[in-house]
Amino acid sequence: MAVGMLVGTFFAFLIGIFNPRLVNKAGPDWLWGGGRDDIIRNLYFRPNGTFRRYGRAALLATIVAGSAALYWMLGGDPWSG
């Protein structure tokens, strides 16, 4: 059940990044643990909620690298045939 929630959250997040109504926005402040001063939020977004210059590319790179690391950690070997 926990895996299904993680997968659903992951895909909802990906869809949200490319949703034209939400594009270039950090989302509501209550979504972030520290509000506008949240450390992770400030890595990718400016205080007004728009993406930083390379924020979207960095966010996608983080998601790809994190997913690959999680897959590899859980026993999948992407380099074995």
PDB file of N, CA and C in Angstrom:
ATOM      1  N   MET A   1       0.819  -1.189   0.000  1.00  0.00           N
ATOM      2  CA  MET A   1       0.000   0.000   0.000  1.00  0.00           C
ATOM      3  C   MET A   1       0.867   1.260   0.000  1.00  0.00           C
ATOM      4  N   ALA A   2       1.951   1.255   0.761  1.00  0.00           N
ATOM      5  CA  ALA A   2       2.823   2.428   0.825  1.00  0.00           C
ATOM      6  C   ALA A   2       3.479   2.688  -0.534  1.00  0.00           C
ATOM      7  N   VAL A   3       3.808   1.617  -1.256  1.00  0.00           N
ATOM      8  CA  VAL A   3       4.430   1.787  -2.571  1.00  0.00           C
ATOM      9  C   VAL A   3       3.453   2.453  -3.530  1.00  0.00           C
ATOM     10  N   GLY A   4       2.198   2.065  -3.480  1.00  0.00           N
ATOM     11  CA  GLY A   4       1.180   2.678  -4.335  1.00  0.00           C
ATOM     12  C   GLY A   4       1.016   4.168  -4.051  1.00  0.00           C
ATOM     13  N   MET A   5       1.085   4.530  -2.773  1.00  0.00           N
ATOM     14  CA  MET A   5       0.977   5.944  -2.421  1.00  0.00           C
ATOM     15  C   MET A   5       2.190   6.709  -2.940  1.00  0.00           C
ATOM     16  N   LEU A   6       3.374   6.117  -2.837  1.00  0.00           N
ATOM     17  CA  LEU A   6       4.586   6.777  -3.337  1.00  0.00           C
ATOM     18  C   LEU A   6       4.533   6.950  -4.849  1.00  0.00           C
ATOM     19  N   VAL A   7       4.103   5.908  -5.549  1.00  0.00           N
ATOM     20  CA  VAL A   7       4.014   5.980  -7.013  1.00  0.00           C
ATOM     21  C   VAL A   7       2.973   7.019  -7.426  1.00  0.00           C
ATOM     22  N   GLY A   8       1.822   7.026  -6.766  1.00  0.00           N
ATOM     23  CA  GLY A   8       0.781   7.999  -7.077  1.00  0.00           C
ATOM     24  C   GLY A   8       1.239   9.426  -6.817  1.00  0.00           C
ATOM     25  N   THR A   9       1.923   9.628  -5.707  1.00  0.00           N
ATOM     26  CA  THR A   9       2.447  10.964  -5.386  1.00  0.00           C
ATOM     27  C   THR A   9       3.479  11.388  -6.412  1.00  0.00           C
ATOM     28  N   PHE A  10       4.349  10.459  -6.804  1.00  0.00           N
ATOM     29  CA  PHE A  10       5.396  10.753  -7.783  1.00  0.00           C
ATOM     30  C   PHE A  10       4.786  11.197  -9.111  1.00  0.00           C
ATOM     31  N   PHE A  11       3.820  10.445  -9.624  1.00  0.00           N
ATOM     32  CA  PHE A  11       3.222  10.793 -10.913  1.00  0.00           C
ATOM     33  C   PHE A  11       2.362  12.053 -10.820  1.00  0.00           C
ATOM     34  N   ALA A  12       1.692  12.265  -9.706  1.00  0.00           N
ATOM     35  CA  ALA A  12       0.933  13.505  -9.526  1.00  0.00           C
ATOM     36  C   ALA A  12       1.873  14.707  -9.518  1.00  0.00           C
ATOM     37  N   PHE A  13       3.040  14.527  -8.916  1.00  0.00           N
ATOM     38  CA  PHE A  13       4.036  15.591  -8.896  1.00  0.00           C
ATOM     39  C   PHE A  13       4.542  15.880 -10.301  1.00  0.00           C
ATOM     40  N   LEU A  14       4.828  14.826 -11.065  1.00  0.00           N
ATOM     41  CA  LEU A  14       5.301  15.025 -12.438  1.00  0.00           C
ATOM     42  C   LEU A  14       4.257  15.719 -13.306  1.00  0.00           C
ATOM     43  N   ILE A  15       3.020  15.305 -13.165  1.00  0.00           N
ATOM     44  CA  ILE A  15       1.949  15.931 -13.933  1.00  0.00           C
ATOM     45  C   ILE A  15       1.793  17.388 -13.513  1.00  0.00           C
ATOM     46  N   GLY A  16       1.934  17.661 -12.230  1.00  0.00           N
ATOM     47  CA  GLY A  16       1.813  19.024 -11.729  1.00  0.00           C
ATOM     48  C   GLY A  16       2.889  19.957 -12.251  1.00  0.00           C
ATOM     49  N   ILE A  17       4.084  19.431 -12.512  1.00  0.00           N
ATOM     50  CA  ILE A  17       5.168  20.269 -13.028  1.00  0.00           C
ATOM     51  C   ILE A  17       4.824  20.803 -14.407  1.00  0.00           C
ATOM     52  N   PHE A  18       4.146  19.994 -15.217  1.00  0.00           N
ATOM     53  CA  PHE A  18       3.861  20.382 -16.593  1.00  0.00           C
ATOM     54  C   PHE A  18       2.437  20.882 -16.820  1.00  0.00           C
ATOM     55  N   ASN A  19       1.649  20.987 -15.765  1.00  0.00           N
ATOM     56  CA  ASN A  19       0.286  21.496 -15.875  1.00  0.00           C
ATOM     57  C   ASN A  19       0.335  22.989 -16.204  1.00  0.00           C
ATOM     58  N   PRO A  20      -0.270  23.430 -17.318  1.00  0.00           N
ATOM     59  CA  PRO A  20      -0.170  24.835 -17.720  1.00  0.00           C
ATOM     60  C   PRO A  20      -0.721  25.824 -16.691  1.00  0.00           C
ATOM     61  N   ARG A  21      -1.696  25.392 -15.883  1.00  0.00           N
ATOM     62  CA  ARG A  21      -2.243  26.291 -14.868  1.00  0.00           C
ATOM     63  C   ARG A  21      -1.298  26.460 -13.689  1.00  0.00           C
ATOM     64  N   LEU A  22      -0.415  25.476 -13.477  1.00  0.00           N
ATOM     65  CA  LEU A  22       0.494  25.523 -12.336  1.00  0.00           C
ATOM     66  C   LEU A  22       1.942  25.785 -12.728  1.00  0.00           C
ATOM     67  N   VAL A  23       2.189  25.917 -14.007  1.00  0.00           N
ATOM     68  CA  VAL A  23       3.559  26.057 -14.487  1.00  0.00           C
ATOM     69  C   VAL A  23       4.217  27.286 -13.864  1.00  0.00           C
ATOM     70  N   ASN A  24       5.457  27.143 -13.490  1.00  0.00           N
ATOM     71  CA  ASN A  24       6.275  28.220 -12.930  1.00  0.00           C
ATOM     72  C   ASN A  24       5.752  28.716 -11.584  1.00  0.00           C
ATOM     73  N   LYS A  25       5.200  27.810 -10.777  1.00  0.00           N
ATOM     74  CA  LYS A  25       4.720  28.189  -9.459  1.00  0.00           C
ATOM     75  C   LYS A  25       5.166  27.158  -8.432  1.00  0.00           C
ATOM     76  N   ALA A  26       5.453  27.603  -7.224  1.00  0.00           N
ATOM     77  CA  ALA A  26       5.908  26.722  -6.152  1.00  0.00           C
ATOM     78  C   ALA A  26       4.759  26.062  -5.420  1.00  0.00           C
ATOM     79  N   GLY A  27       3.551  26.491  -5.687  1.00  0.00           N
ATOM     80  CA  GLY A  27       2.414  25.954  -4.966  1.00  0.00           C
ATOM     81  C   GLY A  27       2.132  26.784  -3.726  1.00  0.00           C
ATOM     82  N   PRO A  28       1.109  26.408  -2.991  1.00  0.00           N
ATOM     83  CA  PRO A  28       0.767  27.184  -1.795  1.00  0.00           C
ATOM     84  C   PRO A  28       1.853  27.057  -0.720  1.00  0.00           C
ATOM     85  N   ASP A  29       1.994  28.089   0.084  1.00  0.00           N
ATOM     86  CA  ASP A  29       3.042  28.093   1.109  1.00  0.00           C
ATOM     87  C   ASP A  29       2.830  26.991   2.152  1.00  0.00           C
ATOM     88  N   TRP A  30       1.564  26.628   2.427  1.00  0.00           N
ATOM     89  CA  TRP A  30       1.321  25.605   3.435  1.00  0.00           C
ATOM     90  C   TRP A  30       1.811  24.229   2.981  1.00  0.00           C
ATOM     91  N   LEU A  31       2.032  24.062   1.680  1.00  0.00           N
ATOM     92  CA  LEU A  31       2.508  22.788   1.148  1.00  0.00           C
ATOM     93  C   LEU A  31       3.936  22.496   1.600  1.00  0.00           C
ATOM     94  N   TRP A  32       4.700  23.535   1.871  1.00  0.00           N
ATOM     95  CA  TRP A  32       6.098  23.403   2.269  1.00  0.00           C
ATOM     96  C   TRP A  32       6.189  23.500   3.781  1.00  0.00           C
ATOM     97  N   GLY A  33       7.010  22.637   4.380  1.00  0.00           N
ATOM     98  CA  GLY A  33       7.143  22.590   5.836  1.00  0.00           C
ATOM     99  C   GLY A  33       7.545  23.918   6.449  1.00  0.00           C
ATOM    100  N   GLY A  34       8.436  24.641   5.806  1.00  0.00           N
ATOM    101  CA  GLY A  34       8.894  25.915   6.334  1.00  0.00           C
ATOM    102  C   GLY A  34       8.230  27.110   5.685  1.00  0.00           C
ATOM    103  N   GLY A  35       7.172  26.903   4.926  1.00  0.00           N
ATOM    104  CA  GLY A  35       6.505  27.997   4.233  1.00  0.00           C
ATOM    105  C   GLY A  35       7.411  28.607   3.174  1.00  0.00           C
ATOM    106  N   ARG A  36       7.441  29.920   3.086  1.00  0.00           N
ATOM    107  CA  ARG A  36       8.286  30.590   2.090  1.00  0.00           C
ATOM    108  C   ARG A  36       9.773  30.461   2.416  1.00  0.00           C
ATOM    109  N   ASP A  37      10.102  30.163   3.654  1.00  0.00           N
ATOM    110  CA  ASP A  37      11.501  30.051   4.071  1.00  0.00           C
ATOM    111  C   ASP A  37      12.007  28.619   4.056  1.00  0.00           C
ATOM    112  N   ASP A  38      11.264  27.692   3.464  1.00  0.00           N
ATOM    113  CA  ASP A  38      11.674  26.294   3.418  1.00  0.00           C
ATOM    114  C   ASP A  38      12.966  26.150   2.612  1.00  0.00           C
ATOM    115  N   ILE A  39      13.912  25.381   3.132  1.00  0.00           N
ATOM    116  CA  ILE A  39      15.228  25.241   2.500  1.00  0.00           C
ATOM    117  C   ILE A  39      15.123  24.588   1.129  1.00  0.00           C
ATOM    118  N   ILE A  40      14.376  23.501   1.025  1.00  0.00           N
ATOM    119  CA  ILE A  40      14.246  22.795  -0.251  1.00  0.00           C
ATOM    120  C   ILE A  40      13.502  23.663  -1.269  1.00  0.00           C
ATOM    121  N   ARG A  41      12.453  24.347  -0.831  1.00  0.00           N
ATOM    122  CA  ARG A  41      11.701  25.232  -1.737  1.00  0.00           C
ATOM    123  C   ARG A  41      12.614  26.299  -2.321  1.00  0.00           C
ATOM    124  N   ASN A  42      13.507  26.842  -1.507  1.00  0.00           N
ATOM    125  CA  ASN A  42      14.389  27.918  -1.961  1.00  0.00           C
ATOM    126  C   ASN A  42      15.492  27.433  -2.890  1.00  0.00           C
ATOM    127  N   LEU A  43      15.726  26.125  -2.964  1.00  0.00           N
ATOM    128  CA  LEU A  43      16.691  25.604  -3.930  1.00  0.00           C
ATOM    129  C   LEU A  43      16.175  25.737  -5.359  1.00  0.00           C
ATOM    130  N   TYR A  44      14.872  25.550  -5.538  1.00  0.00           N
ATOM    131  CA  TYR A  44      14.283  25.515  -6.872  1.00  0.00           C
ATOM    132  C   TYR A  44      13.456  26.750  -7.225  1.00  0.00           C
ATOM    133  N   PHE A  45      12.941  27.447  -6.214  1.00  0.00           N
ATOM    134  CA  PHE A  45      12.017  28.560  -6.442  1.00  0.00           C
ATOM    135  C   PHE A  45      12.508  29.845  -5.784  1.00  0.00           C
ATOM    136  N   ARG A  46      12.117  30.972  -6.353  1.00  0.00           N
ATOM    137  CA  ARG A  46      12.360  32.282  -5.745  1.00  0.00           C
ATOM    138  C   ARG A  46      11.316  32.507  -4.648  1.00  0.00           C
ATOM    139  N   PRO A  47      11.521  33.494  -3.786  1.00  0.00           N
ATOM    140  CA  PRO A  47      10.527  33.754  -2.726  1.00  0.00           C
ATOM    141  C   PRO A  47       9.121  34.054  -3.247  1.00  0.00           C
ATOM    142  N   ASN A  48       9.003  34.597  -4.470  1.00  0.00           N
ATOM    143  CA  ASN A  48       7.668  34.881  -5.004  1.00  0.00           C
ATOM    144  C   ASN A  48       7.009  33.650  -5.633  1.00  0.00           C
ATOM    145  N   GLY A  49       7.695  32.501  -5.646  1.00  0.00           N
ATOM    146  CA  GLY A  49       7.101  31.252  -6.117  1.00  0.00           C
ATOM    147  C   GLY A  49       7.469  30.857  -7.527  1.00  0.00           C
ATOM    148  N   THR A  50       8.175  31.694  -8.273  1.00  0.00           N
ATOM    149  CA  THR A  50       8.565  31.324  -9.631  1.00  0.00           C
ATOM    150  C   THR A  50       9.851  30.511  -9.602  1.00  0.00           C
ATOM    151  N   PHE A  51      10.042  29.687 -10.639  1.00  0.00           N
ATOM    152  CA  PHE A  51      11.249  28.872 -10.705  1.00  0.00           C
ATOM    153  C   PHE A  51      12.488  29.764 -10.808  1.00  0.00           C
ATOM    154  N   ARG A  52      13.580  29.302 -10.223  1.00  0.00           N
ATOM    155  CA  ARG A  52      14.856  29.976 -10.427  1.00  0.00           C
ATOM    156  C   ARG A  52      15.301  29.717 -11.865  1.00  0.00           C
ATOM    157  N   ARG A  53      16.416  30.299 -12.291  1.00  0.00           N
ATOM    158  CA  ARG A  53      16.841  30.224 -13.690  1.00  0.00           C
ATOM    159  C   ARG A  53      16.917  28.781 -14.195  1.00  0.00           C
ATOM    160  N   TYR A  54      17.579  27.913 -13.468  1.00  0.00           N
ATOM    161  CA  TYR A  54      17.686  26.508 -13.858  1.00  0.00           C
ATOM    162  C   TYR A  54      16.924  25.610 -12.872  1.00  0.00           C
ATOM    163  N   GLY A  55      15.931  26.149 -12.222  1.00  0.00           N
ATOM    164  CA  GLY A  55      15.187  25.413 -11.205  1.00  0.00           C
ATOM    165  C   GLY A  55      14.445  24.210 -11.741  1.00  0.00           C
ATOM    166  N   ARG A  56      13.772  24.367 -12.876  1.00  0.00           N
ATOM    167  CA  ARG A  56      12.998  23.249 -13.431  1.00  0.00           C
ATOM    168  C   ARG A  56      13.922  22.124 -13.879  1.00  0.00           C
ATOM    169  N   ALA A  57      15.026  22.458 -14.553  1.00  0.00           N
ATOM    170  CA  ALA A  57      15.986  21.436 -14.990  1.00  0.00           C
ATOM    171  C   ALA A  57      16.607  20.739 -13.780  1.00  0.00           C
ATOM    172  N   ALA A  58      16.926  21.505 -12.748  1.00  0.00           N
ATOM    173  CA  ALA A  58      17.505  20.916 -11.536  1.00  0.00           C
ATOM    174  C   ALA A  58      16.498  20.005 -10.836  1.00  0.00           C
ATOM    175  N   LEU A  59      15.232  20.409 -10.805  1.00  0.00           N
ATOM    176  CA  LEU A  59      14.197  19.591 -10.181  1.00  0.00           C
ATOM    177  C   LEU A  59      14.012  18.280 -10.931  1.00  0.00           C
ATOM    178  N   LEU A  60      13.963  18.333 -12.251  1.00  0.00           N
ATOM    179  CA  LEU A  60      13.828  17.109 -13.040  1.00  0.00           C
ATOM    180  C   LEU A  60      15.061  16.216 -12.901  1.00  0.00           C
ATOM    181  N   ALA A  61      16.263  16.812 -12.876  1.00  0.00           N
ATOM    182  CA  ALA A  61      17.486  16.028 -12.683  1.00  0.00           C
ATOM    183  C   ALA A  61      17.487  15.358 -11.309  1.00  0.00           C
ATOM    184  N   THR A  62      16.993  16.050 -10.302  1.00  0.00           N
ATOM    185  CA  THR A  62      16.901  15.473  -8.957  1.00  0.00           C
ATOM    186  C   THR A  62      15.936  14.295  -8.938  1.00  0.00           C
ATOM    187  N   ILE A  63      14.800  14.438  -9.615  1.00  0.00           N
ATOM    188  CA  ILE A  63      13.818  13.356  -9.652  1.00  0.00           C
ATOM    189  C   ILE A  63      14.385  12.141 -10.375  1.00  0.00           C
ATOM    190  N   VAL A  64      15.046  12.352 -11.511  1.00  0.00           N
ATOM    191  CA  VAL A  64      15.617  11.234 -12.279  1.00  0.00           C
ATOM    192  C   VAL A  64      16.723  10.547 -11.483  1.00  0.00           C
ATOM    193  N   ALA A  65      17.652  11.321 -10.939  1.00  0.00           N
ATOM    194  CA  ALA A  65      18.761  10.735 -10.179  1.00  0.00           C
ATOM    195  C   ALA A  65      18.264  10.042  -8.914  1.00  0.00           C
ATOM    196  N   GLY A  66      17.300  10.653  -8.247  1.00  0.00           N
ATOM    197  CA  GLY A  66      16.745  10.035  -7.041  1.00  0.00           C
ATOM    198  C   GLY A  66      15.996   8.750  -7.339  1.00  0.00           C
ATOM    199  N   SER A  67      15.256   8.728  -8.432  1.00  0.00           N
ATOM    200  CA  SER A  67      14.534   7.506  -8.817  1.00  0.00           C
ATOM    201  C   SER A  67      15.503   6.394  -9.186  1.00  0.00           C
ATOM    202  N   ALA A  68      16.559   6.735  -9.928  1.00  0.00           N
ATOM    203  CA  ALA A  68      17.561   5.730 -10.290  1.00  0.00           C
ATOM    204  C   ALA A  68      18.273   5.200  -9.055  1.00  0.00           C
ATOM    205  N   ALA A  69      18.610   6.079  -8.121  1.00  0.00           N
ATOM    206  CA  ALA A  69      19.277   5.646  -6.898  1.00  0.00           C
ATOM    207  C   ALA A  69      18.373   4.745  -6.063  1.00  0.00           C
ATOM    208  N   LEU A  70      17.093   5.094  -5.978  1.00  0.00           N
ATOM    209  CA  LEU A  70      16.146   4.277  -5.228  1.00  0.00           C
ATOM    210  C   LEU A  70      15.972   2.912  -5.884  1.00  0.00           C
ATOM    211  N   TYR A  71      15.856   2.890  -7.197  1.00  0.00           N
ATOM    212  CA  TYR A  71      15.724   1.630  -7.934  1.00  0.00           C
ATOM    213  C   TYR A  71      16.943   0.742  -7.703  1.00  0.00           C
ATOM    214  N   TRP A  72      18.112   1.349  -7.776  1.00  0.00           N
ATOM    215  CA  TRP A  72      19.357   0.597  -7.603  1.00  0.00           C
ATOM    216  C   TRP A  72      19.498   0.108  -6.167  1.00  0.00           C
ATOM    217  N   MET A  73      19.098   0.943  -5.207  1.00  0.00           N
ATOM    218  CA  MET A  73      19.194   0.578  -3.800  1.00  0.00           C
ATOM    219  C   MET A  73      18.257  -0.584  -3.466  1.00  0.00           C
ATOM    220  N   LEU A  74      17.121  -0.642  -4.122  1.00  0.00           N
ATOM    221  CA  LEU A  74      16.140  -1.688  -3.829  1.00  0.00           C
ATOM    222  C   LEU A  74      16.435  -2.995  -4.571  1.00  0.00           C
ATOM    223  N   GLY A  75      17.585  -3.082  -5.223  1.00  0.00           N
ATOM    224  CA  GLY A  75      17.995  -4.345  -5.800  1.00  0.00           C
ATOM    225  C   GLY A  75      17.970  -4.401  -7.302  1.00  0.00           C
ATOM    226  N   GLY A  76      17.451  -3.425  -7.973  1.00  0.00           N
ATOM    227  CA  GLY A  76      17.451  -3.414  -9.428  1.00  0.00           C
ATOM    228  C   GLY A  76      18.822  -2.989  -9.920  1.00  0.00           C
ATOM    229  N   ASP A  77      19.340  -3.683 -10.906  1.00  0.00           N
ATOM    230  CA  ASP A  77      20.636  -3.319 -11.480  1.00  0.00           C
ATOM    231  C   ASP A  77      20.406  -2.881 -12.914  1.00  0.00           C
ATOM    232  N   PRO A  78      20.410  -1.559 -13.166  1.00  0.00           N
ATOM    233  CA  PRO A  78      20.083  -1.086 -14.502  1.00  0.00           C
ATOM    234  C   PRO A  78      21.115  -1.456 -15.575  1.00  0.00           C
ATOM    235  N   TRP A  79      22.316  -1.901 -15.170  1.00  0.00           N
ATOM    236  CA  TRP A  79      23.345  -2.202 -16.155  1.00  0.00           C
ATOM    237  C   TRP A  79      23.461  -3.688 -16.477  1.00  0.00           C
ATOM    238  N   SER A  80      22.675  -4.510 -15.827  1.00  0.00           N
ATOM    239  CA  SER A  80      22.736  -5.944 -16.150  1.00  0.00           C
ATOM    240  C   SER A  80      21.720  -6.237 -17.254  1.00  0.00           C
ATOM    241  N   GLY A  81      22.098  -7.073 -18.164  1.00  0.00           N
ATOM    242  CA  GLY A  81      21.242  -7.357 -19.320  1.00  0.00           C
ATOM    243  C   GLY A  81      20.258  -8.361 -18.993  1.00  0.00           C
TER     244      GLY A  81
END
